[in-house]
Structure formats: structure tokens, C-alpha cells
């Protein structure tokens, strides 16, 4: 979701098509803070985010350190799906 503002301005029908009400097992991946994602992932969803500052390293190294890997995103999705 590139923009919460644009998404929230869409019709209720469109929003329900993208995020169906009966689909509550969602995963958000944000290379930034978790603020605001609960609205979209719901109480059964998970967020892969970083809520702190100060880490520095090459992009691949920092991504791996904080779990931004394909394997970890798949693991989170499987946990959500139970």
C-alpha cells in the first residue's frame, strides 16, 4: 500500500475488495515504524517494522539483521495463517 491517504479516499467497495472484511490474517512489511499499520493488518495480523533508530550498515546487512528477508516474511505469513 503505497499511500494510506489515497487508499482511505477510495470507495468502501474498493477498499473491501483490496482488504476483504473476512480476511483478517494479514502481514505488513514496512522498512520504518509500525505506527498506523494496525488499522490495516487488524488484531490477527503481524507487522515487520522497525521502531527504533541508529543502526547503520550496508543495506543487505541491515535488512538481514532486522528480518527483512524473503525467508522471514514467509515465516511470518505462515505464523499468521497458523
C-alpha atoms as a PDB file:
ATOM      1  CA  UNK A   1       0.000   0.000   0.000  1.00  0.00           C
ATOM      2  CA  UNK A   2       1.996   2.995  -1.207  1.00  0.00           C
ATOM      3  CA  UNK A   3      -0.260   5.590   0.438  1.00  0.00           C
ATOM      4  CA  UNK A   4      -2.711   5.227   3.314  1.00  0.00           C
ATOM      5  CA  UNK A   5      -4.256   8.590   2.411  1.00  0.00           C
ATOM      6  CA  UNK A   6      -5.011   7.556  -1.169  1.00  0.00           C
ATOM      7  CA  UNK A   7      -6.281   4.141  -0.083  1.00  0.00           C
ATOM      8  CA  UNK A   8      -8.581   5.644   2.547  1.00  0.00           C
ATOM      9  CA  UNK A   9     -10.061   8.022  -0.058  1.00  0.00           C
ATOM     10  CA  UNK A  10     -11.165   5.115  -2.242  1.00  0.00           C
ATOM     11  CA  UNK A  11     -14.729   3.839  -2.189  1.00  0.00           C
ATOM     12  CA  UNK A  12     -15.717   1.378   0.546  1.00  0.00           C
ATOM     13  CA  UNK A  13     -16.272  -1.221  -2.178  1.00  0.00           C
ATOM     14  CA  UNK A  14     -12.737  -0.851  -3.498  1.00  0.00           C
ATOM     15  CA  UNK A  15     -11.201  -0.958  -0.012  1.00  0.00           C
ATOM     16  CA  UNK A  16     -13.211  -4.113   0.763  1.00  0.00           C
ATOM     17  CA  UNK A  17     -12.014  -5.670  -2.496  1.00  0.00           C
ATOM     18  CA  UNK A  18      -8.371  -4.999  -1.619  1.00  0.00           C
ATOM     19  CA  UNK A  19      -8.721  -5.843   2.094  1.00  0.00           C
ATOM     20  CA  UNK A  20     -11.778  -8.104   2.389  1.00  0.00           C
ATOM     21  CA  UNK A  21     -13.502  -7.955   5.764  1.00  0.00           C
ATOM     22  CA  UNK A  22     -13.404 -11.730   6.141  1.00  0.00           C
ATOM     23  CA  UNK A  23      -9.614 -11.796   5.599  1.00  0.00           C
ATOM     24  CA  UNK A  24      -8.131 -10.862   8.960  1.00  0.00           C
ATOM     25  CA  UNK A  25      -4.783 -12.659   8.656  1.00  0.00           C
ATOM     26  CA  UNK A  26      -2.560 -10.026   7.081  1.00  0.00           C
ATOM     27  CA  UNK A  27       1.122  -9.144   7.131  1.00  0.00           C
ATOM     28  CA  UNK A  28       2.551  -5.647   6.666  1.00  0.00           C
ATOM     29  CA  UNK A  29       6.208  -5.176   5.767  1.00  0.00           C
ATOM     30  CA  UNK A  30       7.427  -1.632   6.375  1.00  0.00           C
ATOM     31  CA  UNK A  31      11.073  -0.561   6.477  1.00  0.00           C
ATOM     32  CA  UNK A  32      10.030   2.011   9.033  1.00  0.00           C
ATOM     33  CA  UNK A  33       7.879   2.334  12.128  1.00  0.00           C
ATOM     34  CA  UNK A  34       4.804   0.279  12.910  1.00  0.00           C
ATOM     35  CA  UNK A  35       2.659   3.338  13.587  1.00  0.00           C
ATOM     36  CA  UNK A  36      -0.597   3.176  11.639  1.00  0.00           C
ATOM     37  CA  UNK A  37      -0.355  -0.381  10.337  1.00  0.00           C
ATOM     38  CA  UNK A  38      -2.662  -1.895  12.969  1.00  0.00           C
ATOM     39  CA  UNK A  39      -5.605  -0.303  11.159  1.00  0.00           C
ATOM     40  CA  UNK A  40      -4.827  -2.412   8.094  1.00  0.00           C
ATOM     41  CA  UNK A  41      -3.491  -5.691   9.499  1.00  0.00           C
ATOM     42  CA  UNK A  42      -6.044  -5.967  12.303  1.00  0.00           C
ATOM     43  CA  UNK A  43      -5.703  -7.874  15.550  1.00  0.00           C
ATOM     44  CA  UNK A  44      -4.890 -11.176  13.814  1.00  0.00           C
ATOM     45  CA  UNK A  45      -2.194  -9.682  11.576  1.00  0.00           C
ATOM     46  CA  UNK A  46       1.524  -9.148  12.053  1.00  0.00           C
ATOM     47  CA  UNK A  47       3.854  -6.283  11.230  1.00  0.00           C
ATOM     48  CA  UNK A  48       7.504  -6.458  10.253  1.00  0.00           C
ATOM     49  CA  UNK A  49       8.696  -2.971  11.148  1.00  0.00           C
ATOM     50  CA  UNK A  50      11.494  -1.107  12.910  1.00  0.00           C
ATOM     51  CA  UNK A  51      10.536   1.202  15.773  1.00  0.00           C
ATOM     52  CA  UNK A  52      13.998   2.495  16.617  1.00  0.00           C
ATOM     53  CA  UNK A  53      16.791   4.493  15.032  1.00  0.00           C
ATOM     54  CA  UNK A  54      20.566   4.478  14.966  1.00  0.00           C
ATOM     55  CA  UNK A  55      21.530   1.287  13.135  1.00  0.00           C
ATOM     56  CA  UNK A  56      23.913   1.669  10.242  1.00  0.00           C
ATOM     57  CA  UNK A  57      25.332  -0.880   7.838  1.00  0.00           C
ATOM     58  CA  UNK A  58      25.196  -1.834   4.166  1.00  0.00           C
ATOM     59  CA  UNK A  59      21.602  -2.302   3.018  1.00  0.00           C
ATOM     60  CA  UNK A  60      21.746  -6.094   2.721  1.00  0.00           C
ATOM     61  CA  UNK A  61      23.355  -6.473   6.157  1.00  0.00           C
ATOM     62  CA  UNK A  62      20.845  -4.233   7.931  1.00  0.00           C
ATOM     63  CA  UNK A  63      17.903  -5.860   6.134  1.00  0.00           C
ATOM     64  CA  UNK A  64      19.027  -9.304   7.276  1.00  0.00           C
ATOM     65  CA  UNK A  65      19.676  -8.100  10.831  1.00  0.00           C
ATOM     66  CA  UNK A  66      16.116  -6.786  11.165  1.00  0.00           C
ATOM     67  CA  UNK A  67      14.430  -9.710   9.416  1.00  0.00           C
ATOM     68  CA  UNK A  68      13.715  -8.149   6.042  1.00  0.00           C
ATOM     69  CA  UNK A  69      14.380 -11.351   4.145  1.00  0.00           C
ATOM     70  CA  UNK A  70      12.140 -13.481   1.991  1.00  0.00           C
ATOM     71  CA  UNK A  71      12.528 -16.384   4.406  1.00  0.00           C
ATOM     72  CA  UNK A  72      11.449 -14.297   7.397  1.00  0.00           C
ATOM     73  CA  UNK A  73       8.454 -12.743   5.615  1.00  0.00           C
ATOM     74  CA  UNK A  74       7.320 -16.248   4.583  1.00  0.00           C
ATOM     75  CA  UNK A  75       7.798 -17.405   8.193  1.00  0.00           C
ATOM     76  CA  UNK A  76       5.631 -14.519   9.495  1.00  0.00           C
ATOM     77  CA  UNK A  77       2.933 -15.265   6.942  1.00  0.00           C
ATOM     78  CA  UNK A  78       2.876 -18.925   7.923  1.00  0.00           C
ATOM     79  CA  UNK A  79       2.650 -17.975  11.610  1.00  0.00           C
ATOM     80  CA  UNK A  80      -0.301 -15.703  10.859  1.00  0.00           C
ATOM     81  CA  UNK A  81      -2.038 -18.417   8.866  1.00  0.00           C
ATOM     82  CA  UNK A  82      -1.451 -20.856  11.725  1.00  0.00           C
END
